[in-house]
Each structure stands twice: as structure tokens, then as C-alpha cells.
């Protein structure tokens, strides 16, 4: 991954949001989100993701990614400029044994947006920026937000109190204000 695409953050974000009707992301819900939900949301003009562990094997994940790429291209052809981007939610924790093969699929299928969770986004940033894609990092604390920003994340998903049973404990209003003191990139708010 030594050839990093010479695409600025601003250019990546413009490309990402071009077909969006609303600045919304259909959350990557464990055991719920899959290709059909992602494609329906994209056709509705919003971004949508599924978590890679929802595909119970690498072979199934590759099939899902192939299905999303083909379905997204078909939707873009039928509705030019009105289709939201698809996204992949990657687990970045060092104990997650599928990360290597999943990053290979990221390289092959090039999701426009990768949302990282449970670890540093640094590896994903390296892979995704190489083809001009965008990386958002799930963060549930100011410390994690600072680390993700330092690792090169293009956006931060602030997992706040009330975010669907996740780890966020900080009020969304306080979290946004505190993150804005050191980060001027895109913020997605959960909770």
C-alpha cells in the first residue's frame, strides 16, 4: 500500500456526498444490515453500511460486496446524481482474525466509505486512501476521537449516550462541542 492516492480530504468528501439527498447514514447494525438494506438506503439518497461480521464468512462477505457494487452501479445508472454512497463497517481490533482478508476485499471492491470500529483506523486509512476512498472512525470518548483524528480519519462517528445500546456515555451535545475544539472534519452523530 505504498501508492497513496493524491486526493485531498475535501475532494474525497465531495465525491462521497455528491448523490446524497440528506446528510444521513443508515447505521451498520449488527445482524440486521446487509446488502438489501444498504442498496435500499442508497437508492433513497443516503449513505448506508453493513458490518463485515454480518457476513458469516469471507466468501459470503465477498458475495455481498459484489452484490452491493453491482446494485449500486445499476442504481447510479438509473438515477444519476441521486444515489447515496455505500459503506463497509470494519472491525479493527487486533483480536479480530478476519481483518487481513477483509482489507484485501476493501482493496478489491473499493467501498467509497469505510467506517471503522473497535480500534485504530490507521490500517484502513492506508488502504482506503490508496484508492481515494473516505474513512470515518467510530469513537466513544474524547481520547478515542483524538487518536482517530491523529490516525488520519476523514470523519468521526461520535457514539454518544443513547446510541442504540452501544458504549457511548457522553451527551451528544457535549461530545460534539468538545470534539470541535480540536477537530474540524466531518462529524456523524449517533445517539
N, C-alpha and C. Protein backbone atom coordinates (compact mmCIF):
# COMPACT_ATOMS: atom_id res chain seq x y z
N UNK A 1 0.82 -1.18 0.00
CA UNK A 1 0.00 0.00 0.00
C UNK A 1 0.87 1.25 0.00
N UNK A 2 1.93 1.26 -0.75
CA UNK A 2 2.82 2.42 -0.75
C UNK A 2 2.33 3.53 -1.67
N UNK A 3 1.49 3.22 -2.65
CA UNK A 3 0.97 4.25 -3.55
C UNK A 3 -0.29 4.86 -2.98
N UNK A 4 -0.14 5.93 -2.25
CA UNK A 4 -1.29 6.61 -1.67
C UNK A 4 -1.85 7.58 -2.71
N UNK A 5 -3.15 7.49 -2.96
CA UNK A 5 -3.80 8.36 -3.94
C UNK A 5 -3.60 9.82 -3.54
N UNK A 6 -3.36 10.64 -4.52
CA UNK A 6 -3.16 12.07 -4.28
C UNK A 6 -4.51 12.78 -4.37
N UNK A 7 -5.39 12.42 -3.46
CA UNK A 7 -6.72 13.00 -3.42
C UNK A 7 -6.87 13.65 -2.05
N UNK A 8 -7.23 14.92 -2.03
CA UNK A 8 -7.35 15.63 -0.76
C UNK A 8 -8.59 15.16 -0.01
N UNK A 9 -8.61 15.44 1.28
CA UNK A 9 -9.78 15.11 2.10
C UNK A 9 -11.02 15.80 1.54
N UNK A 10 -10.90 17.05 1.17
CA UNK A 10 -12.05 17.80 0.64
C UNK A 10 -12.58 17.14 -0.64
N UNK A 11 -11.68 16.70 -1.52
CA UNK A 11 -12.11 16.04 -2.76
C UNK A 11 -12.79 14.71 -2.47
N UNK A 12 -12.26 13.95 -1.50
CA UNK A 12 -12.88 12.67 -1.14
C UNK A 12 -14.28 12.89 -0.58
N UNK A 13 -14.44 13.91 0.28
CA UNK A 13 -15.75 14.17 0.88
C UNK A 13 -16.76 14.68 -0.15
N UNK A 14 -16.31 15.51 -1.10
CA UNK A 14 -17.21 15.97 -2.16
C UNK A 14 -17.69 14.79 -2.99
N UNK A 15 -16.79 13.91 -3.35
CA UNK A 15 -17.16 12.73 -4.14
C UNK A 15 -18.12 11.84 -3.35
N UNK A 16 -17.89 11.73 -2.07
CA UNK A 16 -18.71 10.87 -1.22
C UNK A 16 -20.14 11.39 -1.11
N UNK A 17 -20.32 12.68 -0.95
CA UNK A 17 -21.64 13.25 -0.66
C UNK A 17 -22.40 13.70 -1.90
N UNK A 18 -21.83 13.55 -3.08
CA UNK A 18 -22.44 14.05 -4.30
C UNK A 18 -23.87 13.60 -4.55
N UNK A 19 -24.21 12.34 -4.29
CA UNK A 19 -25.55 11.85 -4.56
C UNK A 19 -26.48 11.85 -3.36
N UNK A 20 -26.02 12.37 -2.24
CA UNK A 20 -26.83 12.31 -1.03
C UNK A 20 -27.93 13.37 -1.03
N UNK A 21 -29.13 12.95 -0.73
CA UNK A 21 -30.26 13.88 -0.60
C UNK A 21 -30.31 14.48 0.79
N UNK A 22 -29.89 13.70 1.77
CA UNK A 22 -29.84 14.14 3.17
C UNK A 22 -28.52 13.68 3.77
N UNK A 23 -27.98 14.43 4.71
CA UNK A 23 -26.71 14.03 5.34
C UNK A 23 -26.96 12.98 6.43
N UNK A 24 -27.36 11.78 5.99
CA UNK A 24 -27.67 10.69 6.92
C UNK A 24 -26.90 9.44 6.55
N UNK A 25 -26.62 8.63 7.56
CA UNK A 25 -26.00 7.33 7.35
C UNK A 25 -26.89 6.29 8.02
N UNK A 26 -27.37 5.33 7.23
CA UNK A 26 -28.09 4.20 7.82
C UNK A 26 -27.04 3.36 8.53
N UNK A 27 -27.16 3.27 9.83
CA UNK A 27 -26.13 2.66 10.68
C UNK A 27 -25.86 1.21 10.31
N UNK A 28 -24.62 0.79 10.47
CA UNK A 28 -24.27 -0.62 10.27
C UNK A 28 -24.70 -1.42 11.49
N UNK A 29 -25.89 -1.99 11.43
CA UNK A 29 -26.47 -2.68 12.59
C UNK A 29 -26.10 -4.16 12.58
N UNK A 30 -25.52 -4.61 13.68
CA UNK A 30 -25.10 -5.99 13.80
C UNK A 30 -26.30 -6.92 13.65
N UNK A 31 -26.14 -7.92 12.80
CA UNK A 31 -27.14 -8.94 12.49
C UNK A 31 -28.40 -8.40 11.81
N UNK A 32 -28.42 -7.12 11.44
CA UNK A 32 -29.59 -6.54 10.77
C UNK A 32 -29.21 -6.06 9.37
N UNK A 33 -28.17 -5.24 9.27
CA UNK A 33 -27.80 -4.63 8.00
C UNK A 33 -27.14 -5.65 7.07
N UNK A 34 -27.53 -5.56 5.81
CA UNK A 34 -26.96 -6.40 4.76
C UNK A 34 -27.10 -5.70 3.43
N UNK A 35 -26.82 -6.38 2.34
CA UNK A 35 -26.84 -5.75 1.02
C UNK A 35 -28.18 -5.13 0.65
N UNK A 36 -29.29 -5.80 0.96
CA UNK A 36 -30.59 -5.27 0.57
C UNK A 36 -30.89 -3.94 1.27
N UNK A 37 -30.63 -3.87 2.57
CA UNK A 37 -30.85 -2.63 3.32
C UNK A 37 -29.93 -1.52 2.81
N UNK A 38 -28.67 -1.86 2.57
CA UNK A 38 -27.70 -0.87 2.08
C UNK A 38 -28.15 -0.30 0.74
N UNK A 39 -28.53 -1.18 -0.18
CA UNK A 39 -28.93 -0.70 -1.51
C UNK A 39 -30.22 0.11 -1.45
N UNK A 40 -31.17 -0.28 -0.62
CA UNK A 40 -32.41 0.49 -0.50
C UNK A 40 -32.13 1.88 0.04
N UNK A 41 -31.28 1.98 1.04
CA UNK A 41 -30.93 3.29 1.61
C UNK A 41 -30.19 4.15 0.59
N UNK A 42 -29.26 3.55 -0.13
CA UNK A 42 -28.52 4.31 -1.15
C UNK A 42 -29.47 4.84 -2.23
N UNK A 43 -30.42 4.00 -2.66
CA UNK A 43 -31.40 4.46 -3.65
C UNK A 43 -32.27 5.59 -3.09
N UNK A 44 -32.43 5.64 -1.78
CA UNK A 44 -33.19 6.72 -1.14
C UNK A 44 -32.35 7.99 -0.97
N UNK A 45 -31.07 7.92 -1.35
CA UNK A 45 -30.23 9.11 -1.33
C UNK A 45 -29.48 9.35 -0.04
N UNK A 46 -29.29 8.30 0.76
CA UNK A 46 -28.48 8.44 1.96
C UNK A 46 -27.37 7.39 1.94
N UNK A 47 -26.37 7.58 2.77
CA UNK A 47 -25.29 6.60 2.89
C UNK A 47 -25.79 5.43 3.73
N UNK A 48 -25.21 4.26 3.51
CA UNK A 48 -25.63 3.09 4.28
C UNK A 48 -24.47 2.11 4.37
N UNK A 49 -24.41 1.40 5.50
CA UNK A 49 -23.31 0.47 5.75
C UNK A 49 -23.83 -0.83 6.34
N UNK A 50 -23.02 -1.87 6.16
CA UNK A 50 -23.25 -3.09 6.92
C UNK A 50 -21.93 -3.50 7.57
N UNK A 51 -22.00 -4.09 8.77
CA UNK A 51 -20.78 -4.54 9.42
C UNK A 51 -20.30 -5.84 8.78
N UNK A 52 -19.02 -5.94 8.55
CA UNK A 52 -18.48 -7.13 7.90
C UNK A 52 -18.81 -8.43 8.65
N UNK A 53 -18.86 -8.46 10.00
CA UNK A 53 -19.18 -9.72 10.66
C UNK A 53 -20.60 -10.24 10.38
N UNK A 54 -21.48 -9.38 9.83
CA UNK A 54 -22.82 -9.87 9.47
C UNK A 54 -22.74 -10.94 8.39
N UNK A 55 -21.74 -10.85 7.53
CA UNK A 55 -21.47 -11.91 6.55
C UNK A 55 -20.66 -12.96 7.30
N UNK A 56 -21.20 -14.11 7.51
CA UNK A 56 -20.63 -15.09 8.43
C UNK A 56 -19.34 -15.75 7.94
N UNK A 57 -18.93 -15.49 6.70
CA UNK A 57 -17.66 -16.00 6.20
C UNK A 57 -17.10 -14.99 5.20
N UNK A 58 -15.83 -15.12 4.88
CA UNK A 58 -15.21 -14.24 3.89
C UNK A 58 -15.85 -14.44 2.52
N UNK A 59 -16.20 -15.68 2.18
CA UNK A 59 -16.85 -15.95 0.89
C UNK A 59 -18.21 -15.25 0.82
N UNK A 60 -18.97 -15.30 1.89
CA UNK A 60 -20.26 -14.61 1.92
C UNK A 60 -20.04 -13.10 1.83
N UNK A 61 -19.05 -12.59 2.56
CA UNK A 61 -18.75 -11.15 2.52
C UNK A 61 -18.40 -10.72 1.10
N UNK A 62 -17.59 -11.49 0.42
CA UNK A 62 -17.25 -11.13 -0.96
C UNK A 62 -18.49 -11.12 -1.84
N UNK A 63 -19.37 -12.08 -1.66
CA UNK A 63 -20.62 -12.10 -2.42
C UNK A 63 -21.46 -10.86 -2.15
N UNK A 64 -21.54 -10.47 -0.88
CA UNK A 64 -22.29 -9.27 -0.52
C UNK A 64 -21.68 -8.03 -1.17
N UNK A 65 -20.36 -7.94 -1.11
CA UNK A 65 -19.70 -6.76 -1.68
C UNK A 65 -19.90 -6.72 -3.19
N UNK A 66 -19.81 -7.86 -3.84
CA UNK A 66 -20.06 -7.93 -5.29
C UNK A 66 -21.50 -7.49 -5.59
N UNK A 67 -22.46 -7.97 -4.77
CA UNK A 67 -23.87 -7.60 -4.95
C UNK A 67 -24.08 -6.10 -4.76
N UNK A 68 -23.45 -5.52 -3.75
CA UNK A 68 -23.61 -4.09 -3.50
C UNK A 68 -22.97 -3.26 -4.61
N UNK A 69 -21.78 -3.64 -5.04
CA UNK A 69 -21.12 -2.89 -6.12
C UNK A 69 -21.99 -2.90 -7.38
N UNK A 70 -22.50 -4.08 -7.76
CA UNK A 70 -23.32 -4.19 -8.97
C UNK A 70 -24.64 -3.44 -8.80
N UNK A 71 -25.30 -3.60 -7.65
CA UNK A 71 -26.58 -2.93 -7.42
C UNK A 71 -26.43 -1.42 -7.34
N UNK A 72 -25.34 -0.97 -6.75
CA UNK A 72 -25.09 0.47 -6.64
C UNK A 72 -24.83 1.06 -8.02
N UNK A 73 -24.03 0.38 -8.84
CA UNK A 73 -23.75 0.87 -10.20
C UNK A 73 -25.04 0.94 -11.01
N UNK A 74 -25.90 -0.06 -10.87
CA UNK A 74 -27.19 -0.08 -11.58
C UNK A 74 -28.06 1.10 -11.12
N UNK A 75 -28.11 1.35 -9.82
CA UNK A 75 -28.90 2.47 -9.29
C UNK A 75 -28.36 3.80 -9.78
N UNK A 76 -27.04 3.95 -9.80
CA UNK A 76 -26.43 5.21 -10.28
C UNK A 76 -26.74 5.45 -11.75
N UNK A 77 -26.78 4.37 -12.53
CA UNK A 77 -27.11 4.50 -13.95
C UNK A 77 -28.57 4.90 -14.13
N UNK A 78 -29.46 4.33 -13.31
CA UNK A 78 -30.89 4.63 -13.42
C UNK A 78 -31.26 5.99 -12.83
N UNK A 79 -30.52 6.43 -11.81
CA UNK A 79 -30.83 7.69 -11.12
C UNK A 79 -29.56 8.52 -10.94
N UNK A 80 -28.98 9.02 -12.01
CA UNK A 80 -27.70 9.73 -11.89
C UNK A 80 -27.77 10.89 -10.90
N UNK A 81 -26.76 10.97 -10.03
CA UNK A 81 -26.65 12.06 -9.07
C UNK A 81 -27.60 12.00 -7.90
N UNK A 82 -28.33 10.88 -7.74
CA UNK A 82 -29.33 10.79 -6.68
C UNK A 82 -29.14 9.59 -5.76
N UNK A 83 -28.01 8.93 -5.86
CA UNK A 83 -27.78 7.71 -5.10
C UNK A 83 -26.71 7.97 -4.04
N UNK A 84 -27.02 7.62 -2.81
CA UNK A 84 -26.06 7.78 -1.73
C UNK A 84 -24.94 6.75 -1.81
N UNK A 85 -23.84 7.00 -1.13
CA UNK A 85 -22.71 6.07 -1.16
C UNK A 85 -22.95 4.86 -0.26
N UNK A 86 -22.36 3.74 -0.65
CA UNK A 86 -22.40 2.57 0.22
C UNK A 86 -21.15 2.55 1.07
N UNK A 87 -21.26 1.89 2.20
CA UNK A 87 -20.14 1.86 3.14
C UNK A 87 -19.98 0.47 3.73
N UNK A 88 -18.80 0.24 4.19
CA UNK A 88 -18.47 -1.01 4.87
C UNK A 88 -18.01 -0.66 6.27
N UNK A 89 -18.46 -1.41 7.27
CA UNK A 89 -18.06 -1.19 8.66
C UNK A 89 -17.06 -2.27 9.04
N UNK A 90 -15.81 -1.88 9.28
CA UNK A 90 -14.73 -2.82 9.60
C UNK A 90 -14.43 -2.83 11.08
N UNK A 91 -14.25 -4.03 11.62
CA UNK A 91 -13.77 -4.19 12.99
C UNK A 91 -12.25 -4.15 12.95
N UNK A 92 -11.65 -3.22 13.68
CA UNK A 92 -10.20 -3.01 13.61
C UNK A 92 -9.43 -3.61 14.79
N UNK A 93 -10.11 -4.24 15.72
CA UNK A 93 -9.44 -4.75 16.92
C UNK A 93 -8.41 -5.81 16.55
N UNK A 94 -7.28 -5.81 17.24
CA UNK A 94 -6.19 -6.73 16.95
C UNK A 94 -6.58 -8.20 17.12
N UNK A 95 -7.61 -8.49 17.88
CA UNK A 95 -8.03 -9.88 18.07
C UNK A 95 -8.98 -10.36 16.97
N UNK A 96 -9.38 -9.48 16.08
CA UNK A 96 -10.31 -9.85 15.01
C UNK A 96 -9.54 -10.53 13.89
N UNK A 97 -9.71 -11.82 13.75
CA UNK A 97 -8.87 -12.61 12.85
C UNK A 97 -9.23 -12.47 11.36
N UNK A 98 -10.30 -11.79 11.03
CA UNK A 98 -10.66 -11.62 9.61
C UNK A 98 -10.18 -10.29 9.03
N UNK A 99 -9.54 -9.45 9.81
CA UNK A 99 -9.18 -8.12 9.32
C UNK A 99 -8.33 -8.17 8.05
N UNK A 100 -7.30 -8.99 8.02
CA UNK A 100 -6.44 -9.08 6.83
C UNK A 100 -7.22 -9.42 5.57
N UNK A 101 -7.98 -10.52 5.57
CA UNK A 101 -8.78 -10.85 4.38
C UNK A 101 -9.83 -9.79 4.05
N UNK A 102 -10.39 -9.14 5.06
CA UNK A 102 -11.38 -8.09 4.79
C UNK A 102 -10.73 -6.88 4.14
N UNK A 103 -9.52 -6.52 4.57
CA UNK A 103 -8.82 -5.41 3.93
C UNK A 103 -8.48 -5.73 2.48
N UNK A 104 -8.21 -7.00 2.18
CA UNK A 104 -7.98 -7.41 0.79
C UNK A 104 -9.25 -7.18 -0.04
N UNK A 105 -10.41 -7.48 0.54
CA UNK A 105 -11.67 -7.24 -0.16
C UNK A 105 -11.93 -5.73 -0.31
N UNK A 106 -11.55 -4.95 0.68
CA UNK A 106 -11.66 -3.49 0.57
C UNK A 106 -10.83 -3.01 -0.61
N UNK A 107 -9.61 -3.51 -0.75
CA UNK A 107 -8.76 -3.13 -1.87
C UNK A 107 -9.42 -3.50 -3.20
N UNK A 108 -10.05 -4.67 -3.25
CA UNK A 108 -10.65 -5.16 -4.50
C UNK A 108 -11.95 -4.43 -4.86
N UNK A 109 -12.84 -4.21 -3.87
CA UNK A 109 -14.17 -3.67 -4.17
C UNK A 109 -14.30 -2.17 -3.89
N UNK A 110 -13.34 -1.59 -3.24
CA UNK A 110 -13.21 -0.15 -3.03
C UNK A 110 -14.50 0.56 -2.60
N UNK A 111 -14.99 0.23 -1.41
CA UNK A 111 -16.15 0.99 -0.91
C UNK A 111 -15.80 2.47 -0.80
N UNK A 112 -16.73 3.36 -1.21
CA UNK A 112 -16.44 4.78 -1.13
C UNK A 112 -16.21 5.25 0.30
N UNK A 113 -16.88 4.59 1.24
CA UNK A 113 -16.75 4.94 2.65
C UNK A 113 -16.50 3.68 3.47
N UNK A 114 -15.51 3.73 4.33
CA UNK A 114 -15.27 2.67 5.30
C UNK A 114 -15.41 3.29 6.68
N UNK A 115 -16.22 2.66 7.51
CA UNK A 115 -16.42 3.11 8.88
C UNK A 115 -15.72 2.10 9.78
N UNK A 116 -14.76 2.55 10.55
CA UNK A 116 -14.02 1.64 11.41
C UNK A 116 -14.60 1.63 12.82
N UNK A 117 -14.42 0.51 13.49
CA UNK A 117 -14.91 0.37 14.86
C UNK A 117 -13.93 -0.48 15.66
N UNK A 118 -13.92 -0.25 16.95
CA UNK A 118 -13.19 -1.10 17.91
C UNK A 118 -11.69 -1.15 17.67
N UNK A 119 -11.10 -0.02 17.36
CA UNK A 119 -9.65 0.02 17.21
C UNK A 119 -9.22 1.19 16.34
N UNK A 120 -7.93 1.33 16.19
CA UNK A 120 -7.37 2.42 15.40
C UNK A 120 -7.76 2.28 13.93
N UNK A 121 -8.13 3.38 13.30
CA UNK A 121 -8.46 3.34 11.87
C UNK A 121 -7.22 3.37 10.97
N UNK A 122 -6.03 3.40 11.53
CA UNK A 122 -4.81 3.63 10.74
C UNK A 122 -4.65 2.67 9.56
N UNK A 123 -4.84 1.37 9.78
CA UNK A 123 -4.69 0.41 8.68
C UNK A 123 -5.72 0.66 7.59
N UNK A 124 -6.95 0.92 7.99
CA UNK A 124 -8.00 1.19 7.00
C UNK A 124 -7.68 2.47 6.23
N UNK A 125 -7.22 3.50 6.93
CA UNK A 125 -6.86 4.75 6.26
C UNK A 125 -5.84 4.48 5.16
N UNK A 126 -4.84 3.69 5.47
CA UNK A 126 -3.79 3.39 4.48
C UNK A 126 -4.39 2.73 3.24
N UNK A 127 -5.23 1.73 3.43
CA UNK A 127 -5.83 1.01 2.30
C UNK A 127 -6.82 1.89 1.54
N UNK A 128 -7.73 2.54 2.25
CA UNK A 128 -8.83 3.27 1.62
C UNK A 128 -8.34 4.54 0.94
N UNK A 129 -7.44 5.25 1.55
CA UNK A 129 -6.91 6.45 0.90
C UNK A 129 -6.11 6.11 -0.35
N UNK A 130 -5.57 4.90 -0.42
CA UNK A 130 -4.80 4.49 -1.60
C UNK A 130 -5.65 4.50 -2.87
N UNK A 131 -6.96 4.25 -2.75
CA UNK A 131 -7.81 4.31 -3.93
C UNK A 131 -8.72 5.54 -3.94
N UNK A 132 -8.52 6.46 -3.01
CA UNK A 132 -9.28 7.70 -3.00
C UNK A 132 -10.58 7.65 -2.20
N UNK A 133 -10.76 6.61 -1.38
CA UNK A 133 -11.96 6.50 -0.55
C UNK A 133 -11.83 7.28 0.74
N UNK A 134 -12.88 7.22 1.53
CA UNK A 134 -13.00 8.00 2.76
C UNK A 134 -13.15 7.07 3.95
N UNK A 135 -12.56 7.46 5.08
CA UNK A 135 -12.65 6.67 6.31
C UNK A 135 -13.24 7.51 7.43
N UNK A 136 -14.30 7.00 8.04
CA UNK A 136 -14.84 7.55 9.27
C UNK A 136 -14.54 6.56 10.38
N UNK A 137 -14.29 7.04 11.57
CA UNK A 137 -13.98 6.17 12.71
C UNK A 137 -15.04 6.33 13.79
N UNK A 138 -15.60 5.21 14.24
CA UNK A 138 -16.48 5.21 15.42
C UNK A 138 -15.63 5.54 16.64
N UNK A 139 -16.06 6.50 17.43
CA UNK A 139 -15.36 6.84 18.67
C UNK A 139 -16.39 7.05 19.78
N UNK A 140 -16.05 6.61 20.98
CA UNK A 140 -17.00 6.74 22.09
C UNK A 140 -16.45 7.59 23.22
N UNK A 141 -15.30 8.21 23.02
CA UNK A 141 -14.72 9.08 24.04
C UNK A 141 -13.84 10.13 23.37
N UNK A 142 -13.50 11.17 24.11
CA UNK A 142 -12.60 12.19 23.57
C UNK A 142 -11.23 11.61 23.28
N UNK A 143 -10.75 10.72 24.13
CA UNK A 143 -9.44 10.10 23.90
C UNK A 143 -9.42 9.34 22.58
N UNK A 144 -10.48 8.56 22.31
CA UNK A 144 -10.55 7.82 21.05
C UNK A 144 -10.71 8.77 19.87
N UNK A 145 -11.44 9.85 20.05
CA UNK A 145 -11.61 10.83 18.98
C UNK A 145 -10.26 11.44 18.61
N UNK A 146 -9.48 11.80 19.60
CA UNK A 146 -8.15 12.37 19.33
C UNK A 146 -7.26 11.37 18.59
N UNK A 147 -7.29 10.11 19.03
CA UNK A 147 -6.46 9.07 18.38
C UNK A 147 -6.89 8.85 16.93
N UNK A 148 -8.20 8.79 16.69
CA UNK A 148 -8.69 8.57 15.33
C UNK A 148 -8.34 9.74 14.43
N UNK A 149 -8.47 10.95 14.93
CA UNK A 149 -8.10 12.13 14.15
C UNK A 149 -6.61 12.10 13.82
N UNK A 150 -5.80 11.74 14.80
CA UNK A 150 -4.35 11.67 14.58
C UNK A 150 -3.97 10.57 13.58
N UNK A 151 -4.79 9.53 13.51
CA UNK A 151 -4.53 8.41 12.59
C UNK A 151 -4.96 8.72 11.16
N UNK A 152 -5.59 9.88 10.95
CA UNK A 152 -5.95 10.30 9.60
C UNK A 152 -7.39 10.06 9.18
N UNK A 153 -8.28 9.76 10.14
CA UNK A 153 -9.68 9.57 9.79
C UNK A 153 -10.24 10.85 9.16
N UNK A 154 -11.03 10.67 8.11
CA UNK A 154 -11.65 11.81 7.43
C UNK A 154 -12.87 12.33 8.16
N UNK A 155 -13.46 11.49 8.98
CA UNK A 155 -14.63 11.86 9.75
C UNK A 155 -14.69 11.03 11.01
N UNK A 156 -15.44 11.54 11.99
CA UNK A 156 -15.60 10.83 13.26
C UNK A 156 -17.09 10.56 13.48
N UNK A 157 -17.41 9.34 13.85
CA UNK A 157 -18.76 8.98 14.23
C UNK A 157 -18.78 9.00 15.75
N UNK A 158 -19.42 10.00 16.31
CA UNK A 158 -19.46 10.15 17.76
C UNK A 158 -20.56 9.27 18.32
N UNK A 159 -20.17 8.15 18.91
CA UNK A 159 -21.12 7.22 19.51
C UNK A 159 -21.43 7.76 20.90
N UNK A 160 -22.59 8.39 20.99
CA UNK A 160 -22.96 9.12 22.20
C UNK A 160 -23.94 8.32 23.05
N UNK A 161 -24.28 8.86 24.19
CA UNK A 161 -25.29 8.25 25.05
C UNK A 161 -26.59 8.11 24.25
N UNK A 162 -27.21 6.95 24.35
CA UNK A 162 -28.45 6.70 23.63
C UNK A 162 -28.25 6.18 22.23
N UNK A 163 -27.05 5.77 21.87
CA UNK A 163 -26.75 5.31 20.52
C UNK A 163 -27.02 3.81 20.36
N UNK A 164 -28.24 3.41 20.51
CA UNK A 164 -28.64 2.06 20.18
C UNK A 164 -27.95 0.96 20.96
N UNK A 165 -27.71 1.15 22.23
CA UNK A 165 -27.12 0.09 23.04
C UNK A 165 -25.61 -0.03 22.95
N UNK A 166 -24.96 0.97 22.38
CA UNK A 166 -23.51 0.93 22.26
C UNK A 166 -22.83 1.53 23.48
N UNK A 167 -21.54 1.75 23.37
CA UNK A 167 -20.72 2.12 24.52
C UNK A 167 -20.72 3.59 24.87
N UNK A 168 -21.35 4.43 24.06
CA UNK A 168 -21.30 5.86 24.32
C UNK A 168 -21.96 6.25 25.63
N UNK A 169 -21.26 7.10 26.36
CA UNK A 169 -21.78 7.55 27.66
C UNK A 169 -21.89 9.07 27.74
N UNK A 170 -21.37 9.78 26.74
CA UNK A 170 -21.32 11.24 26.76
C UNK A 170 -22.55 11.79 26.04
N UNK A 171 -23.13 12.85 26.58
CA UNK A 171 -24.24 13.54 25.92
C UNK A 171 -23.79 13.95 24.52
N UNK A 172 -24.65 13.75 23.50
CA UNK A 172 -24.24 14.14 22.15
C UNK A 172 -23.91 15.62 22.04
N UNK A 173 -24.62 16.47 22.74
CA UNK A 173 -24.36 17.92 22.65
C UNK A 173 -22.99 18.26 23.23
N UNK A 174 -22.65 17.69 24.37
CA UNK A 174 -21.35 17.94 24.98
C UNK A 174 -20.23 17.31 24.15
N UNK A 175 -20.48 16.13 23.58
CA UNK A 175 -19.47 15.42 22.80
C UNK A 175 -19.09 16.23 21.56
N UNK A 176 -20.08 16.70 20.83
CA UNK A 176 -19.80 17.49 19.61
C UNK A 176 -19.01 18.74 19.97
N UNK A 177 -19.43 19.45 20.98
CA UNK A 177 -18.74 20.68 21.36
C UNK A 177 -17.28 20.41 21.74
N UNK A 178 -17.05 19.35 22.51
CA UNK A 178 -15.68 19.03 22.94
C UNK A 178 -14.81 18.60 21.76
N UNK A 179 -15.35 17.82 20.84
CA UNK A 179 -14.58 17.37 19.67
C UNK A 179 -14.27 18.54 18.75
N UNK A 180 -15.19 19.47 18.60
CA UNK A 180 -14.96 20.63 17.74
C UNK A 180 -13.82 21.52 18.23
N UNK A 181 -13.43 21.38 19.47
CA UNK A 181 -12.30 22.17 19.97
C UNK A 181 -10.98 21.76 19.33
N UNK A 182 -10.89 20.52 18.79
CA UNK A 182 -9.63 20.07 18.20
C UNK A 182 -9.80 19.44 16.82
N UNK A 183 -11.02 19.29 16.34
CA UNK A 183 -11.24 18.58 15.07
C UNK A 183 -12.22 19.35 14.19
N UNK A 184 -11.82 19.62 12.93
CA UNK A 184 -12.69 20.38 12.03
C UNK A 184 -13.24 19.54 10.89
N UNK A 185 -13.07 18.22 10.95
CA UNK A 185 -13.58 17.33 9.91
C UNK A 185 -15.06 17.02 10.09
N UNK A 186 -15.53 16.11 9.27
CA UNK A 186 -16.93 15.70 9.30
C UNK A 186 -17.23 14.96 10.61
N UNK A 187 -18.38 15.27 11.17
CA UNK A 187 -18.86 14.56 12.36
C UNK A 187 -20.20 13.93 12.02
N UNK A 188 -20.33 12.65 12.34
CA UNK A 188 -21.60 11.94 12.29
C UNK A 188 -21.96 11.66 13.72
N UNK A 189 -23.20 11.93 14.06
CA UNK A 189 -23.62 11.79 15.46
C UNK A 189 -24.55 10.61 15.63
N UNK A 190 -24.19 9.71 16.54
CA UNK A 190 -25.03 8.57 16.88
C UNK A 190 -25.50 8.72 18.31
N UNK A 191 -26.81 8.68 18.51
CA UNK A 191 -27.32 8.75 19.87
C UNK A 191 -28.05 10.04 20.17
